[in-house]
Amino acid sequence: SAEFDHWASEQLARGDVDALLDFRRRAPGMPYAHPTTEHFAPLF
């Protein structure tokens, strides 16, 4: 949870939408942070 949150914070701070769109492959802590992805989906 901490690793995914830190990664998300960094991408948001950079405005790196492409990285966020590819969170399933790029984000640390997956798939534990989001075993299903509906709770991250509203961000997009």
PDB file of all heavy atoms in Angstrom:
ATOM      1  N   SER A   1       0.830  -1.200   0.000  1.00  0.00           N
ATOM      2  CA  SER A   1       0.000   0.000   0.000  1.00  0.00           C
ATOM      3  C   SER A   1       0.868   1.255   0.000  1.00  0.00           C
ATOM      4  O   SER A   1       0.616   2.199  -0.777  1.00  0.00           O
ATOM      5  CB  SER A   1      -0.933  -0.006   1.210  1.00  0.00           C
ATOM      6  OG  SER A   1      -1.836   1.082   1.190  1.00  0.00           O
ATOM      7  N   ALA A   2       1.878   1.284   0.834  1.00  0.00           N
ATOM      8  CA  ALA A   2       2.771   2.442   0.899  1.00  0.00           C
ATOM      9  C   ALA A   2       3.526   2.623  -0.412  1.00  0.00           C
ATOM     10  O   ALA A   2       3.694   3.761  -0.896  1.00  0.00           O
ATOM     11  CB  ALA A   2       3.750   2.279   2.055  1.00  0.00           C
ATOM     12  N   GLU A   3       3.975   1.517  -1.014  1.00  0.00           N
ATOM     13  CA  GLU A   3       4.737   1.614  -2.263  1.00  0.00           C
ATOM     14  C   GLU A   3       3.858   2.127  -3.404  1.00  0.00           C
ATOM     15  O   GLU A   3       4.283   2.979  -4.193  1.00  0.00           O
ATOM     16  CB  GLU A   3       5.326   0.246  -2.612  1.00  0.00           C
ATOM     17  CG  GLU A   3       6.439  -0.198  -1.673  1.00  0.00           C
ATOM     18  CD  GLU A   3       6.785  -1.659  -1.867  1.00  0.00           C
ATOM     19  OE1 GLU A   3       6.215  -2.302  -2.780  1.00  0.00           O
ATOM     20  OE2 GLU A   3       7.629  -2.167  -1.098  1.00  0.00           O
ATOM     21  N   PHE A   4       2.648   1.601  -3.502  1.00  0.00           N
ATOM     22  CA  PHE A   4       1.754   2.053  -4.563  1.00  0.00           C
ATOM     23  C   PHE A   4       1.407   3.526  -4.372  1.00  0.00           C
ATOM     24  O   PHE A   4       1.415   4.315  -5.322  1.00  0.00           O
ATOM     25  CB  PHE A   4       0.479   1.208  -4.587  1.00  0.00           C
ATOM     26  CG  PHE A   4      -0.439   1.530  -5.730  1.00  0.00           C
ATOM     27  CD1 PHE A   4      -0.439   0.746  -6.875  1.00  0.00           C
ATOM     28  CD2 PHE A   4      -1.308   2.608  -5.672  1.00  0.00           C
ATOM     29  CE1 PHE A   4      -1.278   1.040  -7.947  1.00  0.00           C
ATOM     30  CE2 PHE A   4      -2.153   2.917  -6.733  1.00  0.00           C
ATOM     31  CZ  PHE A   4      -2.139   2.133  -7.876  1.00  0.00           C
ATOM     32  N   ASP A   5       1.106   3.923  -3.149  1.00  0.00           N
ATOM     33  CA  ASP A   5       0.745   5.302  -2.875  1.00  0.00           C
ATOM     34  C   ASP A   5       1.887   6.250  -3.209  1.00  0.00           C
ATOM     35  O   ASP A   5       1.671   7.323  -3.796  1.00  0.00           O
ATOM     36  CB  ASP A   5       0.343   5.445  -1.406  1.00  0.00           C
ATOM     37  CG  ASP A   5      -0.020   6.873  -1.043  1.00  0.00           C
ATOM     38  OD1 ASP A   5      -0.982   7.408  -1.630  1.00  0.00           O
ATOM     39  OD2 ASP A   5       0.665   7.457  -0.179  1.00  0.00           O
ATOM     40  N   HIS A   6       3.105   5.879  -2.842  1.00  0.00           N
ATOM     41  CA  HIS A   6       4.261   6.716  -3.146  1.00  0.00           C
ATOM     42  C   HIS A   6       4.431   6.855  -4.650  1.00  0.00           C
ATOM     43  O   HIS A   6       4.681   7.966  -5.167  1.00  0.00           O
ATOM     44  CB  HIS A   6       5.523   6.119  -2.512  1.00  0.00           C
ATOM     45  CG  HIS A   6       6.769   6.896  -2.795  1.00  0.00           C
ATOM     46  ND1 HIS A   6       7.037   8.123  -2.230  1.00  0.00           N
ATOM     47  CD2 HIS A   6       7.826   6.621  -3.620  1.00  0.00           C
ATOM     48  CE1 HIS A   6       8.195   8.568  -2.669  1.00  0.00           C
ATOM     49  NE2 HIS A   6       8.689   7.683  -3.523  1.00  0.00           N
ATOM     50  N   TRP A   7       4.287   5.749  -5.358  1.00  0.00           N
ATOM     51  CA  TRP A   7       4.406   5.786  -6.823  1.00  0.00           C
ATOM     52  C   TRP A   7       3.316   6.674  -7.429  1.00  0.00           C
ATOM     53  O   TRP A   7       3.597   7.526  -8.284  1.00  0.00           O
ATOM     54  CB  TRP A   7       4.300   4.360  -7.372  1.00  0.00           C
ATOM     55  CG  TRP A   7       4.339   4.287  -8.872  1.00  0.00           C
ATOM     56  CD1 TRP A   7       5.451   4.216  -9.658  1.00  0.00           C
ATOM     57  CD2 TRP A   7       3.206   4.279  -9.758  1.00  0.00           C
ATOM     58  NE1 TRP A   7       5.081   4.169 -10.984  1.00  0.00           N
ATOM     59  CE2 TRP A   7       3.723   4.195 -11.076  1.00  0.00           C
ATOM     60  CE3 TRP A   7       1.834   4.314  -9.573  1.00  0.00           C
ATOM     61  CZ2 TRP A   7       2.889   4.162 -12.200  1.00  0.00           C
ATOM     62  CZ3 TRP A   7       1.005   4.281 -10.682  1.00  0.00           C
ATOM     63  CH2 TRP A   7       1.520   4.202 -11.983  1.00  0.00           C
ATOM     64  N   ALA A   8       2.075   6.504  -6.986  1.00  0.00           N
ATOM     65  CA  ALA A   8       0.981   7.312  -7.513  1.00  0.00           C
ATOM     66  C   ALA A   8       1.216   8.792  -7.234  1.00  0.00           C
ATOM     67  O   ALA A   8       0.984   9.647  -8.112  1.00  0.00           O
ATOM     68  CB  ALA A   8      -0.346   6.861  -6.910  1.00  0.00           C
ATOM     69  N   SER A   9       1.684   9.112  -6.038  1.00  0.00           N
ATOM     70  CA  SER A   9       1.965  10.507  -5.696  1.00  0.00           C
ATOM     71  C   SER A   9       3.010  11.095  -6.629  1.00  0.00           C
ATOM     72  O   SER A   9       2.876  12.245  -7.093  1.00  0.00           O
ATOM     73  CB  SER A   9       2.441  10.584  -4.245  1.00  0.00           C
ATOM     74  OG  SER A   9       2.812  11.903  -3.916  1.00  0.00           O
ATOM     75  N   GLU A  10       4.045  10.333  -6.943  1.00  0.00           N
ATOM     76  CA  GLU A  10       5.101  10.825  -7.830  1.00  0.00           C
ATOM     77  C   GLU A  10       4.572  11.062  -9.237  1.00  0.00           C
ATOM     78  O   GLU A  10       4.902  12.074  -9.875  1.00  0.00           O
ATOM     79  CB  GLU A  10       6.261   9.834  -7.868  1.00  0.00           C
ATOM     80  CG  GLU A  10       7.101   9.802  -6.598  1.00  0.00           C
ATOM     81  CD  GLU A  10       8.350   8.978  -6.779  1.00  0.00           C
ATOM     82  OE1 GLU A  10       8.312   7.998  -7.562  1.00  0.00           O
ATOM     83  OE2 GLU A  10       9.375   9.308  -6.154  1.00  0.00           O
ATOM     84  N   GLN A  11       3.759  10.138  -9.748  1.00  0.00           N
ATOM     85  CA  GLN A  11       3.228  10.310 -11.111  1.00  0.00           C
ATOM     86  C   GLN A  11       2.275  11.501 -11.176  1.00  0.00           C
ATOM     87  O   GLN A  11       2.273  12.263 -12.141  1.00  0.00           O
ATOM     88  CB  GLN A  11       2.514   9.040 -11.593  1.00  0.00           C
ATOM     89  CG  GLN A  11       3.273   7.733 -11.428  1.00  0.00           C
ATOM     90  CD  GLN A  11       4.754   7.840 -11.703  1.00  0.00           C
ATOM     91  OE1 GLN A  11       5.178   8.317 -12.757  1.00  0.00           O
ATOM     92  NE2 GLN A  11       5.565   7.383 -10.747  1.00  0.00           N
ATOM     93  N   LEU A  12       1.448  11.659 -10.152  1.00  0.00           N
ATOM     94  CA  LEU A  12       0.545  12.806 -10.112  1.00  0.00           C
ATOM     95  C   LEU A  12       1.336  14.114 -10.053  1.00  0.00           C
ATOM     96  O   LEU A  12       0.994  15.090 -10.730  1.00  0.00           O
ATOM     97  CB  LEU A  12      -0.388  12.699  -8.908  1.00  0.00           C
ATOM     98  CG  LEU A  12      -1.456  11.609  -8.984  1.00  0.00           C
ATOM     99  CD1 LEU A  12      -2.075  11.379  -7.606  1.00  0.00           C
ATOM    100  CD2 LEU A  12      -2.534  11.945 -10.008  1.00  0.00           C
ATOM    101  N   ALA A  13       2.402  14.130  -9.253  1.00  0.00           N
ATOM    102  CA  ALA A  13       3.208  15.337  -9.124  1.00  0.00           C
ATOM    103  C   ALA A  13       3.886  15.706 -10.430  1.00  0.00           C
ATOM    104  O   ALA A  13       4.134  16.893 -10.701  1.00  0.00           O
ATOM    105  CB  ALA A  13       4.250  15.158  -8.019  1.00  0.00           C
ATOM    106  N   ARG A  14       4.182  14.707 -11.262  1.00  0.00           N
ATOM    107  CA  ARG A  14       4.803  14.964 -12.561  1.00  0.00           C
ATOM    108  C   ARG A  14       3.773  15.185 -13.661  1.00  0.00           C
ATOM    109  O   ARG A  14       4.140  15.543 -14.782  1.00  0.00           O
ATOM    110  CB  ARG A  14       5.694  13.781 -12.954  1.00  0.00           C
ATOM    111  CG  ARG A  14       6.995  13.701 -12.191  1.00  0.00           C
ATOM    112  CD  ARG A  14       7.996  12.841 -12.928  1.00  0.00           C
ATOM    113  NE  ARG A  14       7.605  11.443 -12.932  1.00  0.00           N
ATOM    114  CZ  ARG A  14       8.104  10.517 -12.100  1.00  0.00           C
ATOM    115  NH1 ARG A  14       8.984  10.872 -11.187  1.00  0.00           N
ATOM    116  NH2 ARG A  14       7.724   9.272 -12.182  1.00  0.00           N
ATOM    117  N   GLY A  15       2.513  14.934 -13.363  1.00  0.00           N
ATOM    118  CA  GLY A  15       1.499  14.997 -14.411  1.00  0.00           C
ATOM    119  C   GLY A  15       1.671  13.897 -15.433  1.00  0.00           C
ATOM    120  O   GLY A  15       1.308  14.060 -16.604  1.00  0.00           O
ATOM    121  N   ASP A  16       2.199  12.747 -15.011  1.00  0.00           N
ATOM    122  CA  ASP A  16       2.482  11.641 -15.935  1.00  0.00           C
ATOM    123  C   ASP A  16       1.249  10.754 -16.077  1.00  0.00           C
ATOM    124  O   ASP A  16       1.136   9.692 -15.455  1.00  0.00           O
ATOM    125  CB  ASP A  16       3.680  10.829 -15.434  1.00  0.00           C
ATOM    126  CG  ASP A  16       4.230   9.888 -16.505  1.00  0.00           C
ATOM    127  OD1 ASP A  16       3.495   9.608 -17.478  1.00  0.00           O
ATOM    128  OD2 ASP A  16       5.373   9.438 -16.362  1.00  0.00           O
ATOM    129  N   VAL A  17       0.324  11.220 -16.902  1.00  0.00           N
ATOM    130  CA  VAL A  17      -0.922  10.480 -17.089  1.00  0.00           C
ATOM    131  C   VAL A  17      -0.662   9.128 -17.742  1.00  0.00           C
ATOM    132  O   VAL A  17      -1.313   8.133 -17.415  1.00  0.00           O
ATOM    133  CB  VAL A  17      -1.916  11.326 -17.919  1.00  0.00           C
ATOM    134  CG1 VAL A  17      -3.193  10.544 -18.202  1.00  0.00           C
ATOM    135  CG2 VAL A  17      -2.255  12.618 -17.180  1.00  0.00           C
ATOM    136  N   ASP A  18       0.295   9.072 -18.668  1.00  0.00           N
ATOM    137  CA  ASP A  18       0.575   7.803 -19.348  1.00  0.00           C
ATOM    138  C   ASP A  18       0.996   6.723 -18.355  1.00  0.00           C
ATOM    139  O   ASP A  18       0.575   5.561 -18.471  1.00  0.00           O
ATOM    140  CB  ASP A  18       1.672   7.993 -20.399  1.00  0.00           C
ATOM    141  CG  ASP A  18       1.182   8.779 -21.608  1.00  0.00           C
ATOM    142  OD1 ASP A  18      -0.054   8.816 -21.822  1.00  0.00           O
ATOM    143  OD2 ASP A  18       2.015   9.354 -22.317  1.00  0.00           O
ATOM    144  N   ALA A  19       1.830   7.079 -17.385  1.00  0.00           N
ATOM    145  CA  ALA A  19       2.256   6.104 -16.380  1.00  0.00           C
ATOM    146  C   ALA A  19       1.065   5.640 -15.550  1.00  0.00           C
ATOM    147  O   ALA A  19       0.909   4.451 -15.272  1.00  0.00           O
ATOM    148  CB  ALA A  19       3.333   6.691 -15.489  1.00  0.00           C
ATOM    149  N   LEU A  20       0.201   6.577 -15.160  1.00  0.00           N
ATOM    150  CA  LEU A  20      -0.968   6.215 -14.365  1.00  0.00           C
ATOM    151  C   LEU A  20      -1.913   5.313 -15.153  1.00  0.00           C
ATOM    152  O   LEU A  20      -2.462   4.357 -14.604  1.00  0.00           O
ATOM    153  CB  LEU A  20      -1.691   7.479 -13.908  1.00  0.00           C
ATOM    154  CG  LEU A  20      -0.943   8.311 -12.859  1.00  0.00           C
ATOM    155  CD1 LEU A  20      -1.501   9.721 -12.791  1.00  0.00           C
ATOM    156  CD2 LEU A  20      -1.007   7.639 -11.490  1.00  0.00           C
ATOM    157  N   LEU A  21      -2.083   5.599 -16.435  1.00  0.00           N
ATOM    158  CA  LEU A  21      -2.935   4.753 -17.264  1.00  0.00           C
ATOM    159  C   LEU A  21      -2.420   3.317 -17.308  1.00  0.00           C
ATOM    160  O   LEU A  21      -3.206   2.369 -17.432  1.00  0.00           O
ATOM    161  CB  LEU A  21      -3.005   5.315 -18.683  1.00  0.00           C
ATOM    162  CG  LEU A  21      -3.791   6.611 -18.871  1.00  0.00           C
ATOM    163  CD1 LEU A  21      -3.518   7.193 -20.261  1.00  0.00           C
ATOM    164  CD2 LEU A  21      -5.284   6.379 -18.692  1.00  0.00           C
ATOM    165  N   ASP A  22      -1.115   3.156 -17.177  1.00  0.00           N
ATOM    166  CA  ASP A  22      -0.477   1.831 -17.270  1.00  0.00           C
ATOM    167  C   ASP A  22      -0.147   1.288 -15.879  1.00  0.00           C
ATOM    168  O   ASP A  22       0.783   0.506 -15.713  1.00  0.00           O
ATOM    169  CB  ASP A  22       0.797   1.959 -18.116  1.00  0.00           C
ATOM    170  CG  ASP A  22       1.294   0.611 -18.617  1.00  0.00           C
ATOM    171  OD1 ASP A  22       0.476  -0.331 -18.754  1.00  0.00           O
ATOM    172  OD2 ASP A  22       2.511   0.500 -18.863  1.00  0.00           O
ATOM    173  N   PHE A  23      -0.931   1.682 -14.871  1.00  0.00           N
ATOM    174  CA  PHE A  23      -0.600   1.328 -13.486  1.00  0.00           C
ATOM    175  C   PHE A  23      -0.546  -0.170 -13.253  1.00  0.00           C
ATOM    176  O   PHE A  23       0.210  -0.642 -12.400  1.00  0.00           O
ATOM    177  CB  PHE A  23      -1.583   1.991 -12.518  1.00  0.00           C
ATOM    178  CG  PHE A  23      -2.953   1.353 -12.460  1.00  0.00           C
ATOM    179  CD1 PHE A  23      -3.268   0.427 -11.481  1.00  0.00           C
ATOM    180  CD2 PHE A  23      -3.920   1.672 -13.400  1.00  0.00           C
ATOM    181  CE1 PHE A  23      -4.521  -0.165 -11.427  1.00  0.00           C
ATOM    182  CE2 PHE A  23      -5.176   1.099 -13.353  1.00  0.00           C
ATOM    183  CZ  PHE A  23      -5.490   0.177 -12.366  1.00  0.00           C
ATOM    184  N   ARG A  24      -1.335  -0.943 -13.977  1.00  0.00           N
ATOM    185  CA  ARG A  24      -1.339  -2.395 -13.744  1.00  0.00           C
ATOM    186  C   ARG A  24       0.040  -2.997 -13.959  1.00  0.00           C
ATOM    187  O   ARG A  24       0.424  -3.933 -13.255  1.00  0.00           O
ATOM    188  CB  ARG A  24      -2.350  -3.071 -14.674  1.00  0.00           C
ATOM    189  CG  ARG A  24      -3.811  -2.794 -14.376  1.00  0.00           C
ATOM    190  CD  ARG A  24      -4.671  -3.588 -15.349  1.00  0.00           C
ATOM    191  NE  ARG A  24      -6.083  -3.326 -15.216  1.00  0.00           N
ATOM    192  CZ  ARG A  24      -6.730  -2.367 -15.861  1.00  0.00           C
ATOM    193  NH1 ARG A  24      -6.055  -1.550 -16.671  1.00  0.00           N
ATOM    194  NH2 ARG A  24      -8.027  -2.187 -15.698  1.00  0.00           N
ATOM    195  N   ARG A  25       0.778  -2.470 -14.921  1.00  0.00           N
ATOM    196  CA  ARG A  25       2.113  -3.010 -15.227  1.00  0.00           C
ATOM    197  C   ARG A  25       3.224  -2.254 -14.510  1.00  0.00           C
ATOM    198  O   ARG A  25       4.238  -2.838 -14.145  1.00  0.00           O
ATOM    199  CB  ARG A  25       2.374  -2.958 -16.739  1.00  0.00           C
ATOM    200  CG  ARG A  25       1.512  -3.894 -17.546  1.00  0.00           C
ATOM    201  CD  ARG A  25       2.023  -4.082 -18.970  1.00  0.00           C
ATOM    202  NE  ARG A  25       2.269  -2.807 -19.640  1.00  0.00           N
ATOM    203  CZ  ARG A  25       3.467  -2.403 -20.047  1.00  0.00           C
ATOM    204  NH1 ARG A  25       4.535  -3.159 -19.828  1.00  0.00           N
ATOM    205  NH2 ARG A  25       3.604  -1.247 -20.672  1.00  0.00           N
ATOM    206  N   ARG A  26       3.043  -0.957 -14.307  1.00  0.00           N
ATOM    207  CA  ARG A  26       4.156  -0.137 -13.834  1.00  0.00           C
ATOM    208  C   ARG A  26       4.203   0.056 -12.316  1.00  0.00           C
ATOM    209  O   ARG A  26       5.282   0.271 -11.754  1.00  0.00           O
ATOM    210  CB  ARG A  26       4.092   1.251 -14.484  1.00  0.00           C
ATOM    211  CG  ARG A  26       4.230   1.255 -15.985  1.00  0.00           C
ATOM    212  CD  ARG A  26       4.597   2.658 -16.443  1.00  0.00           C
ATOM    213  NE  ARG A  26       4.384   2.866 -17.863  1.00  0.00           N
ATOM    214  CZ  ARG A  26       4.703   3.976 -18.510  1.00  0.00           C
ATOM    215  NH1 ARG A  26       5.233   4.987 -17.844  1.00  0.00           N
ATOM    216  NH2 ARG A  26       4.469   4.093 -19.803  1.00  0.00           N
ATOM    217  N   ALA A  27       3.065   0.022 -11.663  1.00  0.00           N
ATOM    218  CA  ALA A  27       3.038   0.432 -10.260  1.00  0.00           C
ATOM    219  C   ALA A  27       3.547  -0.673  -9.342  1.00  0.00           C
ATOM    220  O   ALA A  27       3.116  -1.828  -9.458  1.00  0.00           O
ATOM    221  CB  ALA A  27       1.624   0.822  -9.857  1.00  0.00           C
ATOM    222  N   PRO A  28       4.431  -0.350  -8.409  1.00  0.00           N
ATOM    223  CA  PRO A  28       4.806  -1.328  -7.386  1.00  0.00           C
ATOM    224  C   PRO A  28       3.609  -1.592  -6.474  1.00  0.00           C
ATOM    225  O   PRO A  28       2.695  -0.772  -6.348  1.00  0.00           O
ATOM    226  CB  PRO A  28       5.931  -0.624  -6.627  1.00  0.00           C
ATOM    227  CG  PRO A  28       5.663   0.835  -6.818  1.00  0.00           C
ATOM    228  CD  PRO A  28       5.059   0.967  -8.195  1.00  0.00           C
ATOM    229  N   GLY A  29       3.625  -2.754  -5.863  1.00  0.00           N
ATOM    230  CA  GLY A  29       2.525  -3.105  -4.972  1.00  0.00           C
ATOM    231  C   GLY A  29       1.358  -3.776  -5.664  1.00  0.00           C
ATOM    232  O   GLY A  29       0.413  -4.214  -5.008  1.00  0.00           O
ATOM    233  N   MET A  30       1.393  -3.852  -6.992  1.00  0.00           N
ATOM    234  CA  MET A  30       0.340  -4.556  -7.711  1.00  0.00           C
ATOM    235  C   MET A  30       0.657  -6.047  -7.745  1.00  0.00           C
ATOM    236  O   MET A  30       1.813  -6.434  -7.808  1.00  0.00           O
ATOM    237  CB  MET A  30       0.220  -4.007  -9.129  1.00  0.00           C
ATOM    238  CG  MET A  30      -0.387  -2.619  -9.178  1.00  0.00           C
ATOM    239  SD  MET A  30      -2.112  -2.610  -8.633  1.00  0.00           S
ATOM    240  CE  MET A  30      -2.924  -3.466  -9.979  1.00  0.00           C
ATOM    241  N   PRO A  31      -0.371  -6.920  -7.726  1.00  0.00           N
ATOM    242  CA  PRO A  31      -1.799  -6.609  -7.703  1.00  0.00           C
ATOM    243  C   PRO A  31      -2.388  -6.458  -6.293  1.00  0.00           C
ATOM    244  O   PRO A  31      -3.600  -6.345  -6.159  1.00  0.00           O
ATOM    245  CB  PRO A  31      -2.407  -7.820  -8.394  1.00  0.00           C
ATOM    246  CG  PRO A  31      -1.532  -8.954  -7.938  1.00  0.00           C
ATOM    247  CD  PRO A  31      -0.138  -8.372  -7.867  1.00  0.00           C
ATOM    248  N   TYR A  32      -1.544  -6.452  -5.263  1.00  0.00           N
ATOM    249  CA  TYR A  32      -2.071  -6.390  -3.905  1.00  0.00           C
ATOM    250  C   TYR A  32      -2.805  -5.074  -3.644  1.00  0.00           C
ATOM    251  O   TYR A  32      -3.831  -5.054  -2.958  1.00  0.00           O
ATOM    252  CB  TYR A  32      -0.935  -6.564  -2.895  1.00  0.00           C
ATOM    253  CG  TYR A  32      -0.210  -7.870  -3.044  1.00  0.00           C
ATOM    254  CD1 TYR A  32       0.995  -7.945  -3.736  1.00  0.00           C
ATOM    255  CD2 TYR A  32      -0.746  -9.042  -2.513  1.00  0.00           C
ATOM    256  CE1 TYR A  32       1.649  -9.147  -3.906  1.00  0.00           C
ATOM    257  CE2 TYR A  32      -0.097 -10.248  -2.671  1.00  0.00           C
ATOM    258  CZ  TYR A  32       1.103 -10.301  -3.375  1.00  0.00           C
ATOM    259  OH  TYR A  32       1.739 -11.500  -3.545  1.00  0.00           O
ATOM    260  N   ALA A  33      -2.274  -3.976  -4.175  1.00  0.00           N
ATOM    261  CA  ALA A  33      -2.910  -2.676  -3.947  1.00  0.00           C
ATOM    262  C   ALA A  33      -4.297  -2.612  -4.573  1.00  0.00           C
ATOM    263  O   ALA A  33      -5.184  -1.938  -4.054  1.00  0.00           O
ATOM    264  CB  ALA A  33      -2.033  -1.556  -4.499  1.00  0.00           C
ATOM    265  N   HIS A  34      -4.478  -3.322  -5.693  1.00  0.00           N
ATOM    266  CA  HIS A  34      -5.772  -3.344  -6.382  1.00  0.00           C
ATOM    267  C   HIS A  34      -5.987  -4.724  -7.003  1.00  0.00           C
ATOM    268  O   HIS A  34      -5.794  -4.909  -8.206  1.00  0.00           O
ATOM    269  CB  HIS A  34      -5.842  -2.259  -7.464  1.00  0.00           C
ATOM    270  CG  HIS A  34      -5.913  -0.879  -6.919  1.00  0.00           C
ATOM    271  ND1 HIS A  34      -7.061  -0.351  -6.352  1.00  0.00           N
ATOM    272  CD2 HIS A  34      -4.950   0.087  -6.804  1.00  0.00           C
ATOM    273  CE1 HIS A  34      -6.818   0.884  -5.942  1.00  0.00           C
ATOM    274  NE2 HIS A  34      -5.546   1.166  -6.190  1.00  0.00           N
ATOM    275  N   PRO A  35      -6.385  -5.718  -6.197  1.00  0.00           N
ATOM    276  CA  PRO A  35      -6.674  -7.033  -6.777  1.00  0.00           C
ATOM    277  C   PRO A  35      -7.803  -6.961  -7.799  1.00  0.00           C
ATOM    278  O   PRO A  35      -7.856  -7.752  -8.737  1.00  0.00           O
ATOM    279  CB  PRO A  35      -7.049  -7.884  -5.563  1.00  0.00           C
ATOM    280  CG  PRO A  35      -7.379  -6.906  -4.473  1.00  0.00           C
ATOM    281  CD  PRO A  35      -6.562  -5.687  -4.743  1.00  0.00           C
ATOM    282  N   THR A  36      -8.726  -6.018  -7.620  1.00  0.00           N
ATOM    283  CA  THR A  36      -9.659  -5.586  -8.652  1.00  0.00           C
ATOM    284  C   THR A  36      -9.491  -4.076  -8.751  1.00  0.00           C
ATOM    285  O   THR A  36      -9.121  -3.424  -7.776  1.00  0.00           O
ATOM    286  CB  THR A  36     -11.118  -5.948  -8.306  1.00  0.00           C
ATOM    287  OG1 THR A  36     -11.460  -5.347  -7.038  1.00  0.00           O
ATOM    288  CG2 THR A  36     -11.293  -7.458  -8.208  1.00  0.00           C
ATOM    289  N   THR A  37      -9.770  -3.503  -9.907  1.00  0.00           N
ATOM    290  CA  THR A  37      -9.307  -2.139 -10.152  1.00  0.00           C
ATOM    291  C   THR A  37     -10.407  -1.080 -10.107  1.00  0.00           C
ATOM    292  O   THR A  37     -10.153   0.074 -10.408  1.00  0.00           O
ATOM    293  CB  THR A  37      -8.604  -2.060 -11.525  1.00  0.00           C
ATOM    294  OG1 THR A  37      -9.528  -2.415 -12.560  1.00  0.00           O
ATOM    295  CG2 THR A  37      -7.393  -2.975 -11.557  1.00  0.00           C
ATOM    296  N   GLU A  38     -11.623  -1.465  -9.667  1.00  0.00           N
ATOM    297  CA  GLU A  38     -12.717  -0.496  -9.724  1.00  0.00           C
ATOM    298  C   GLU A  38     -12.510   0.697  -8.799  1.00  0.00           C
ATOM    299  O   GLU A  38     -13.009   1.793  -9.059  1.00  0.00           O
ATOM    300  CB  GLU A  38     -14.060  -1.180  -9.408  1.00  0.00           C
ATOM    301  CG  GLU A  38     -14.309  -1.515  -7.954  1.00  0.00           C
ATOM    302  CD  GLU A  38     -13.467  -2.675  -7.423  1.00  0.00           C
ATOM    303  OE1 GLU A  38     -13.013  -3.512  -8.247  1.00  0.00           O
ATOM    304  OE2 GLU A  38     -13.247  -2.743  -6.194  1.00  0.00           O
ATOM    305  N   HIS A  39     -11.716   0.548  -7.725  1.00  0.00           N
ATOM    306  CA  HIS A  39     -11.539   1.676  -6.810  1.00  0.00           C
ATOM    307  C   HIS A  39     -10.498   2.682  -7.307  1.00  0.00           C
ATOM    308  O   HIS A  39     -10.479   3.825  -6.832  1.00  0.00           O
ATOM    309  CB  HIS A  39     -11.195   1.191  -5.398  1.00  0.00           C
ATOM    310  CG  HIS A  39     -12.397   0.875  -4.587  1.00  0.00           C
ATOM    311  ND1 HIS A  39     -13.146  -0.259  -4.798  1.00  0.00           N
ATOM    312  CD2 HIS A  39     -13.028   1.560  -3.589  1.00  0.00           C
ATOM    313  CE1 HIS A  39     -14.169  -0.274  -3.961  1.00  0.00           C
ATOM    314  NE2 HIS A  39     -14.124   0.820  -3.229  1.00  0.00           N
ATOM    315  N   PHE A  40      -9.663   2.288  -8.234  1.00  0.00           N
ATOM    316  CA  PHE A  40      -8.727   3.242  -8.845  1.00  0.00           C
ATOM    317  C   PHE A  40      -9.328   3.864 -10.097  1.00  0.00           C
ATOM    318  O   PHE A  40      -8.924   4.953 -10.515  1.00  0.00           O
ATOM    319  CB  PHE A  40      -7.410   2.541  -9.178  1.00  0.00           C
ATOM    320  CG  PHE A  40      -6.214   3.456  -9.267  1.00  0.00           C
ATOM    321  CD1 PHE A  40      -5.880   4.312  -8.225  1.00  0.00           C
ATOM    322  CD2 PHE A  40      -5.405   3.449 -10.387  1.00  0.00           C
ATOM    323  CE1 PHE A  40      -4.778   5.144  -8.292  1.00  0.00           C
ATOM    324  CE2 PHE A  40      -4.290   4.277 -10.474  1.00  0.00           C
ATOM    325  CZ  PHE A  40      -3.972   5.128  -9.433  1.00  0.00           C
ATOM    326  N   ALA A  41     -10.307   3.184 -10.687  1.00  0.00           N
ATOM    327  CA  ALA A  41     -10.863   3.608 -11.971  1.00  0.00           C
ATOM    328  C   ALA A  41     -11.423   5.032 -11.963  1.00  0.00           C
ATOM    329  O   ALA A  41     -11.223   5.770 -12.947  1.00  0.00           O
ATOM    330  CB  ALA A  41     -11.927   2.605 -12.421  1.00  0.00           C
ATOM    331  N   PRO A  42     -12.141   5.485 -10.920  1.00  0.00           N
ATOM    332  CA  PRO A  42     -12.690   6.849 -10.979  1.00  0.00           C
ATOM    333  C   PRO A  42     -11.632   7.935 -11.108  1.00  0.00           C
ATOM    334  O   PRO A  42     -11.930   9.047 -11.563  1.00  0.00           O
ATOM    335  CB  PRO A  42     -13.458   6.977  -9.657  1.00  0.00           C
ATOM    336  CG  PRO A  42     -13.832   5.571  -9.301  1.00  0.00           C
ATOM    337  CD  PRO A  42     -12.650   4.756  -9.736  1.00  0.00           C
ATOM    338  N   LEU A  43     -10.387   7.644 -10.729  1.00  0.00           N
ATOM    339  CA  LEU A  43      -9.322   8.625 -10.893  1.00  0.00           C
ATOM    340  C   LEU A  43      -9.212   9.076 -12.342  1.00  0.00           C
ATOM    341  O   LEU A  43      -8.965  10.253 -12.618  1.00  0.00           O
ATOM    342  CB  LEU A  43      -7.988   8.031 -10.431  1.00  0.00           C
ATOM    343  CG  LEU A  43      -6.738   8.874 -10.733  1.00  0.00           C
ATOM    344  CD1 LEU A  43      -6.739  10.150  -9.892  1.00  0.00           C
ATOM    345  CD2 LEU A  43      -5.467   8.071 -10.500  1.00  0.00           C
ATOM    346  N   PHE A  44      -9.414   8.158 -13.283  1.00  0.00           N
ATOM    347  CA  PHE A  44      -9.196   8.496 -14.686  1.00  0.00           C
ATOM    348  C   PHE A  44     -10.308   9.384 -15.235  1.00  0.00           C
ATOM    349  O   PHE A  44     -10.062  10.206 -16.117  1.00  0.00           O
ATOM    350  CB  PHE A  44      -9.018   7.212 -15.497  1.00  0.00           C
ATOM    351  CG  PHE A  44      -7.838   6.419 -15.022  1.00  0.00           C
ATOM    352  CD1 PHE A  44      -8.007   5.251 -14.299  1.00  0.00           C
ATOM    353  CD2 PHE A  44      -6.552   6.889 -15.230  1.00  0.00           C
ATOM    354  CE1 PHE A  44      -6.916   4.552 -13.816  1.00  0.00           C
ATOM    355  CE2 PHE A  44      -5.454   6.194 -14.746  1.00  0.00           C
ATOM    356  CZ  PHE A  44      -5.629   5.027 -14.033  1.00  0.00           C
TER     357      PHE A  44
END
